[in-house]
Amino acid sequence: MKAIEPPDSHYLKAAQGWLDLGNHNEANEELKRIRLEWRFHPEVLLARWEIYARGGHWEYAYTIAHGMVALVPNEATGWIKRSVALHKLRRTPEAWQSLLPAATKFPENVTILFDLARYACQLGKYSDAFRWLERAKKSPIRIRSSRWRRRTLSWSRFGKRR
């Protein structure tokens, strides 16, 4: 996809900066300055999703993520963000179903595999959860996030298969 041109690229960077500082309201103001021709660029949509998510506007976040999947289906981000929004809307069965095709499309994406394990567990599909977790642990792609390590450790304490 084509790179966003100035001055819109500057507004996007400013919005991302405000998000880094924890101020989604100011980030929203920066995104409002972006011209219409760039508002459906994946990077702008991702920033918009983050703004809605941080504001707790999960229905809007879902709509943005659904658009991301339609616009750039070969990028995992939209698939992940859509399932997160559905889960936050207490629609975990839909989050599970909407993320399953992404596991085939992105078989080594640890976030997708791990989120499927979490959703399966919450849906009472424990054997599925363990299978997804095992796939995530075997994936050659590693996430360096301490958040993921904490989540993985909590899964390992969840219980051993007997």
C-alpha atoms as a PDB file:
ATOM      1  CA  MET A   1       0.000   0.000   0.000  1.00  0.00           C
ATOM      2  CA  LYS A   2       1.136   3.510  -0.768  1.00  0.00           C
ATOM      3  CA  ALA A   3       2.811   5.500   2.006  1.00  0.00           C
ATOM      4  CA  ILE A   4       0.845   8.361   3.529  1.00  0.00           C
ATOM      5  CA  GLU A   5       2.115  11.711   2.296  1.00  0.00           C
ATOM      6  CA  PRO A   6       2.734  14.880   4.317  1.00  0.00           C
ATOM      7  CA  PRO A   7       1.096  16.641   6.023  1.00  0.00           C
ATOM      8  CA  ASP A   8      -1.179  13.666   6.744  1.00  0.00           C
ATOM      9  CA  SER A   9       1.775  11.448   7.686  1.00  0.00           C
ATOM     10  CA  HIS A  10       2.684  14.042  10.316  1.00  0.00           C
ATOM     11  CA  TYR A  11      -0.833  14.002  11.759  1.00  0.00           C
ATOM     12  CA  LEU A  12      -0.679  10.214  11.946  1.00  0.00           C
ATOM     13  CA  LYS A  13       2.692  10.311  13.718  1.00  0.00           C
ATOM     14  CA  ALA A  14       1.310  12.891  16.138  1.00  0.00           C
ATOM     15  CA  ALA A  15      -1.704  10.664  16.824  1.00  0.00           C
ATOM     16  CA  GLN A  16       0.596   7.699  17.442  1.00  0.00           C
ATOM     17  CA  GLY A  17       2.652   9.865  19.767  1.00  0.00           C
ATOM     18  CA  TRP A  18      -0.431  10.840  21.759  1.00  0.00           C
ATOM     19  CA  LEU A  19      -1.401   7.161  21.982  1.00  0.00           C
ATOM     20  CA  ASP A  20       2.089   6.350  23.271  1.00  0.00           C
ATOM     21  CA  LEU A  21       1.543   9.018  25.923  1.00  0.00           C
ATOM     22  CA  GLY A  22      -1.824   7.476  26.852  1.00  0.00           C
ATOM     23  CA  ASN A  23      -4.007  10.292  25.530  1.00  0.00           C
ATOM     24  CA  HIS A  24      -6.494   8.835  23.058  1.00  0.00           C
ATOM     25  CA  ASN A  25      -8.557  12.038  22.977  1.00  0.00           C
ATOM     26  CA  GLU A  26      -5.679  14.112  21.597  1.00  0.00           C
ATOM     27  CA  ALA A  27      -4.826  11.276  19.208  1.00  0.00           C
ATOM     28  CA  ASN A  28      -8.378  11.472  17.904  1.00  0.00           C
ATOM     29  CA  GLU A  29      -8.013  15.209  17.307  1.00  0.00           C
ATOM     30  CA  GLU A  30      -4.890  14.579  15.232  1.00  0.00           C
ATOM     31  CA  LEU A  31      -6.617  11.915  13.136  1.00  0.00           C
ATOM     32  CA  LYS A  32      -9.467  14.326  12.401  1.00  0.00           C
ATOM     33  CA  ARG A  33      -6.947  16.479  10.535  1.00  0.00           C
ATOM     34  CA  ILE A  34      -6.098  13.710   8.042  1.00  0.00           C
ATOM     35  CA  ARG A  35      -7.613  14.245   4.614  1.00  0.00           C
ATOM     36  CA  LEU A  36     -10.386  11.910   3.477  1.00  0.00           C
ATOM     37  CA  GLU A  37      -8.182  10.225   0.858  1.00  0.00           C
ATOM     38  CA  TRP A  38      -5.958   8.803   3.614  1.00  0.00           C
ATOM     39  CA  ARG A  39      -8.551   7.936   6.253  1.00  0.00           C
ATOM     40  CA  PHE A  40      -8.891   4.358   5.009  1.00  0.00           C
ATOM     41  CA  HIS A  41      -5.166   3.672   4.940  1.00  0.00           C
ATOM     42  CA  PRO A  42      -4.388   0.640   7.164  1.00  0.00           C
ATOM     43  CA  GLU A  43      -2.090   2.649   9.446  1.00  0.00           C
ATOM     44  CA  VAL A  44      -4.782   5.269  10.016  1.00  0.00           C
ATOM     45  CA  LEU A  45      -7.384   2.566  10.617  1.00  0.00           C
ATOM     46  CA  LEU A  46      -5.106   0.907  13.145  1.00  0.00           C
ATOM     47  CA  ALA A  47      -4.672   4.195  15.025  1.00  0.00           C
ATOM     48  CA  ARG A  48      -8.438   4.728  14.880  1.00  0.00           C
ATOM     49  CA  TRP A  49      -8.992   1.214  16.269  1.00  0.00           C
ATOM     50  CA  GLU A  50      -6.610   1.957  19.131  1.00  0.00           C
ATOM     51  CA  ILE A  51      -8.434   5.197  19.934  1.00  0.00           C
ATOM     52  CA  TYR A  52     -11.804   3.443  20.060  1.00  0.00           C
ATOM     53  CA  ALA A  53     -10.385   0.554  22.074  1.00  0.00           C
ATOM     54  CA  ARG A  54      -8.807   2.820  24.667  1.00  0.00           C
ATOM     55  CA  GLY A  55     -12.045   4.740  24.926  1.00  0.00           C
ATOM     56  CA  GLY A  56     -13.993   1.516  25.454  1.00  0.00           C
ATOM     57  CA  HIS A  57     -15.978   1.996  22.229  1.00  0.00           C
ATOM     58  CA  TRP A  58     -15.787  -1.651  21.235  1.00  0.00           C
ATOM     59  CA  GLU A  59     -18.606  -1.588  18.690  1.00  0.00           C
ATOM     60  CA  TYR A  60     -16.767   1.112  16.736  1.00  0.00           C
ATOM     61  CA  ALA A  61     -13.477  -0.745  17.189  1.00  0.00           C
ATOM     62  CA  TYR A  62     -15.130  -3.863  15.776  1.00  0.00           C
ATOM     63  CA  THR A  63     -16.372  -1.929  12.736  1.00  0.00           C
ATOM     64  CA  ILE A  64     -12.905  -0.523  12.056  1.00  0.00           C
ATOM     65  CA  ALA A  65     -11.249  -3.940  12.423  1.00  0.00           C
ATOM     66  CA  HIS A  66     -13.842  -5.565  10.172  1.00  0.00           C
ATOM     67  CA  GLY A  67     -12.965  -2.958   7.555  1.00  0.00           C
ATOM     68  CA  MET A  68      -9.262  -3.697   8.018  1.00  0.00           C
ATOM     69  CA  VAL A  69      -9.875  -7.392   7.293  1.00  0.00           C
ATOM     70  CA  ALA A  70     -11.784  -6.477   4.138  1.00  0.00           C
ATOM     71  CA  LEU A  71      -9.202  -3.916   3.012  1.00  0.00           C
ATOM     72  CA  VAL A  72      -6.025  -5.874   3.777  1.00  0.00           C
ATOM     73  CA  PRO A  73      -6.979  -9.532   4.328  1.00  0.00           C
ATOM     74  CA  ASN A  74      -3.352 -10.664   4.055  1.00  0.00           C
ATOM     75  CA  GLU A  75      -2.380  -8.741   7.186  1.00  0.00           C
ATOM     76  CA  ALA A  76      -3.002 -10.469  10.513  1.00  0.00           C
ATOM     77  CA  THR A  77      -3.616  -7.265  12.469  1.00  0.00           C
ATOM     78  CA  GLY A  78      -7.198  -6.731  11.334  1.00  0.00           C
ATOM     79  CA  TRP A  79      -8.125 -10.335  12.117  1.00  0.00           C
ATOM     80  CA  ILE A  80      -6.656 -10.051  15.612  1.00  0.00           C
ATOM     81  CA  LYS A  81      -8.186  -6.660  16.381  1.00  0.00           C
ATOM     82  CA  ARG A  82     -11.618  -7.809  15.169  1.00  0.00           C
ATOM     83  CA  SER A  83     -11.574 -10.819  17.485  1.00  0.00           C
ATOM     84  CA  VAL A  84     -10.417  -8.681  20.416  1.00  0.00           C
ATOM     85  CA  ALA A  85     -13.299  -6.260  19.862  1.00  0.00           C
ATOM     86  CA  LEU A  86     -15.808  -9.110  19.661  1.00  0.00           C
ATOM     87  CA  HIS A  87     -14.419 -10.614  22.856  1.00  0.00           C
ATOM     88  CA  LYS A  88     -14.643  -7.257  24.639  1.00  0.00           C
ATOM     89  CA  LEU A  89     -18.259  -7.023  23.464  1.00  0.00           C
ATOM     90  CA  ARG A  90     -18.823 -10.326  25.294  1.00  0.00           C
ATOM     91  CA  ARG A  91     -19.235 -12.113  21.976  1.00  0.00           C
ATOM     92  CA  THR A  92     -16.473 -14.632  22.570  1.00  0.00           C
ATOM     93  CA  PRO A  93     -18.064 -17.387  20.439  1.00  0.00           C
ATOM     94  CA  GLU A  94     -18.001 -14.975  17.486  1.00  0.00           C
ATOM     95  CA  ALA A  95     -14.439 -13.933  18.333  1.00  0.00           C
ATOM     96  CA  TRP A  96     -13.441 -17.601  18.229  1.00  0.00           C
ATOM     97  CA  GLN A  97     -15.239 -18.235  14.926  1.00  0.00           C
ATOM     98  CA  SER A  98     -13.908 -15.096  13.263  1.00  0.00           C
ATOM     99  CA  LEU A  99     -10.323 -15.894  14.240  1.00  0.00           C
ATOM    100  CA  LEU A 100     -10.296 -19.562  13.175  1.00  0.00           C
ATOM    101  CA  PRO A 101      -9.735 -18.783   9.444  1.00  0.00           C
ATOM    102  CA  ALA A 102      -6.821 -16.536  10.420  1.00  0.00           C
ATOM    103  CA  ALA A 103      -5.020 -19.515  11.989  1.00  0.00           C
ATOM    104  CA  THR A 104      -4.984 -21.175   8.579  1.00  0.00           C
ATOM    105  CA  LYS A 105      -3.994 -17.973   6.819  1.00  0.00           C
ATOM    106  CA  PHE A 106      -1.259 -17.104   9.358  1.00  0.00           C
ATOM    107  CA  PRO A 107      -0.254 -20.487  10.846  1.00  0.00           C
ATOM    108  CA  GLU A 108       2.789 -19.173  12.714  1.00  0.00           C
ATOM    109  CA  ASN A 109       1.268 -16.021  14.184  1.00  0.00           C
ATOM    110  CA  VAL A 110       1.632 -16.562  17.921  1.00  0.00           C
ATOM    111  CA  THR A 111      -0.937 -13.917  18.842  1.00  0.00           C
ATOM    112  CA  ILE A 112      -3.629 -15.614  16.762  1.00  0.00           C
ATOM    113  CA  LEU A 113      -2.767 -19.036  18.150  1.00  0.00           C
ATOM    114  CA  PHE A 114      -2.663 -17.803  21.721  1.00  0.00           C
ATOM    115  CA  ASP A 115      -5.919 -15.848  21.414  1.00  0.00           C
ATOM    116  CA  LEU A 116      -7.622 -18.939  20.005  1.00  0.00           C
ATOM    117  CA  ALA A 117      -6.370 -20.859  23.045  1.00  0.00           C
ATOM    118  CA  ARG A 118      -7.767 -18.192  25.387  1.00  0.00           C
ATOM    119  CA  TYR A 119     -11.138 -18.087  23.648  1.00  0.00           C
ATOM    120  CA  ALA A 120     -11.358 -21.882  23.579  1.00  0.00           C
ATOM    121  CA  CYS A 121     -10.700 -21.999  27.299  1.00  0.00           C
ATOM    122  CA  GLN A 122     -13.348 -19.383  28.011  1.00  0.00           C
ATOM    123  CA  LEU A 123     -15.802 -21.358  25.901  1.00  0.00           C
ATOM    124  CA  GLY A 124     -15.063 -24.538  27.841  1.00  0.00           C
ATOM    125  CA  LYS A 125     -13.216 -26.160  24.926  1.00  0.00           C
ATOM    126  CA  TYR A 126     -10.251 -27.162  27.050  1.00  0.00           C
ATOM    127  CA  SER A 127      -8.750 -29.780  24.752  1.00  0.00           C
ATOM    128  CA  ASP A 128      -8.879 -27.251  21.888  1.00  0.00           C
ATOM    129  CA  ALA A 129      -7.305 -24.655  24.157  1.00  0.00           C
ATOM    130  CA  PHE A 130      -4.375 -26.929  24.954  1.00  0.00           C
ATOM    131  CA  ARG A 131      -3.891 -27.762  21.256  1.00  0.00           C
ATOM    132  CA  TRP A 132      -3.809 -24.061  20.303  1.00  0.00           C
ATOM    133  CA  LEU A 133      -1.447 -23.316  23.160  1.00  0.00           C
ATOM    134  CA  GLU A 134       0.886 -26.102  22.081  1.00  0.00           C
ATOM    135  CA  ARG A 135       0.899 -24.728  18.537  1.00  0.00           C
ATOM    136  CA  ALA A 136       1.689 -21.252  19.877  1.00  0.00           C
ATOM    137  CA  LYS A 137       4.556 -22.589  21.975  1.00  0.00           C
ATOM    138  CA  LYS A 138       6.008 -24.452  18.962  1.00  0.00           C
ATOM    139  CA  SER A 139       5.773 -21.499  16.613  1.00  0.00           C
ATOM    140  CA  PRO A 140       9.185 -20.315  15.366  1.00  0.00           C
ATOM    141  CA  ILE A 141       7.988 -16.717  15.607  1.00  0.00           C
ATOM    142  CA  ARG A 142       8.474 -15.399  19.113  1.00  0.00           C
ATOM    143  CA  ILE A 143       7.000 -12.376  20.790  1.00  0.00           C
ATOM    144  CA  ARG A 144       9.370 -10.505  23.044  1.00  0.00           C
ATOM    145  CA  SER A 145       6.593  -8.890  25.022  1.00  0.00           C
ATOM    146  CA  SER A 146       6.647  -9.475  28.750  1.00  0.00           C
ATOM    147  CA  ARG A 147       2.844  -9.403  28.577  1.00  0.00           C
ATOM    148  CA  TRP A 148       2.867 -12.516  26.386  1.00  0.00           C
ATOM    149  CA  ARG A 149       5.360 -14.242  28.669  1.00  0.00           C
ATOM    150  CA  ARG A 150       3.110 -13.509  31.658  1.00  0.00           C
ATOM    151  CA  ARG A 151       0.128 -14.895  29.739  1.00  0.00           C
ATOM    152  CA  THR A 152       2.096 -18.009  28.773  1.00  0.00           C
ATOM    153  CA  LEU A 153       3.228 -18.557  32.347  1.00  0.00           C
ATOM    154  CA  SER A 154      -0.332 -18.249  33.594  1.00  0.00           C
ATOM    155  CA  TRP A 155      -1.358 -20.871  31.022  1.00  0.00           C
ATOM    156  CA  SER A 156       1.381 -23.237  32.168  1.00  0.00           C
ATOM    157  CA  ARG A 157       0.058 -22.914  35.726  1.00  0.00           C
ATOM    158  CA  PHE A 158      -3.487 -23.573  34.482  1.00  0.00           C
ATOM    159  CA  GLY A 159      -2.865 -27.274  34.603  1.00  0.00           C
ATOM    160  CA  LYS A 160      -1.157 -30.136  32.950  1.00  0.00           C
ATOM    161  CA  ARG A 161      -2.881 -32.511  30.593  1.00  0.00           C
ATOM    162  CA  ARG A 162      -3.300 -35.863  32.236  1.00  0.00           C
END
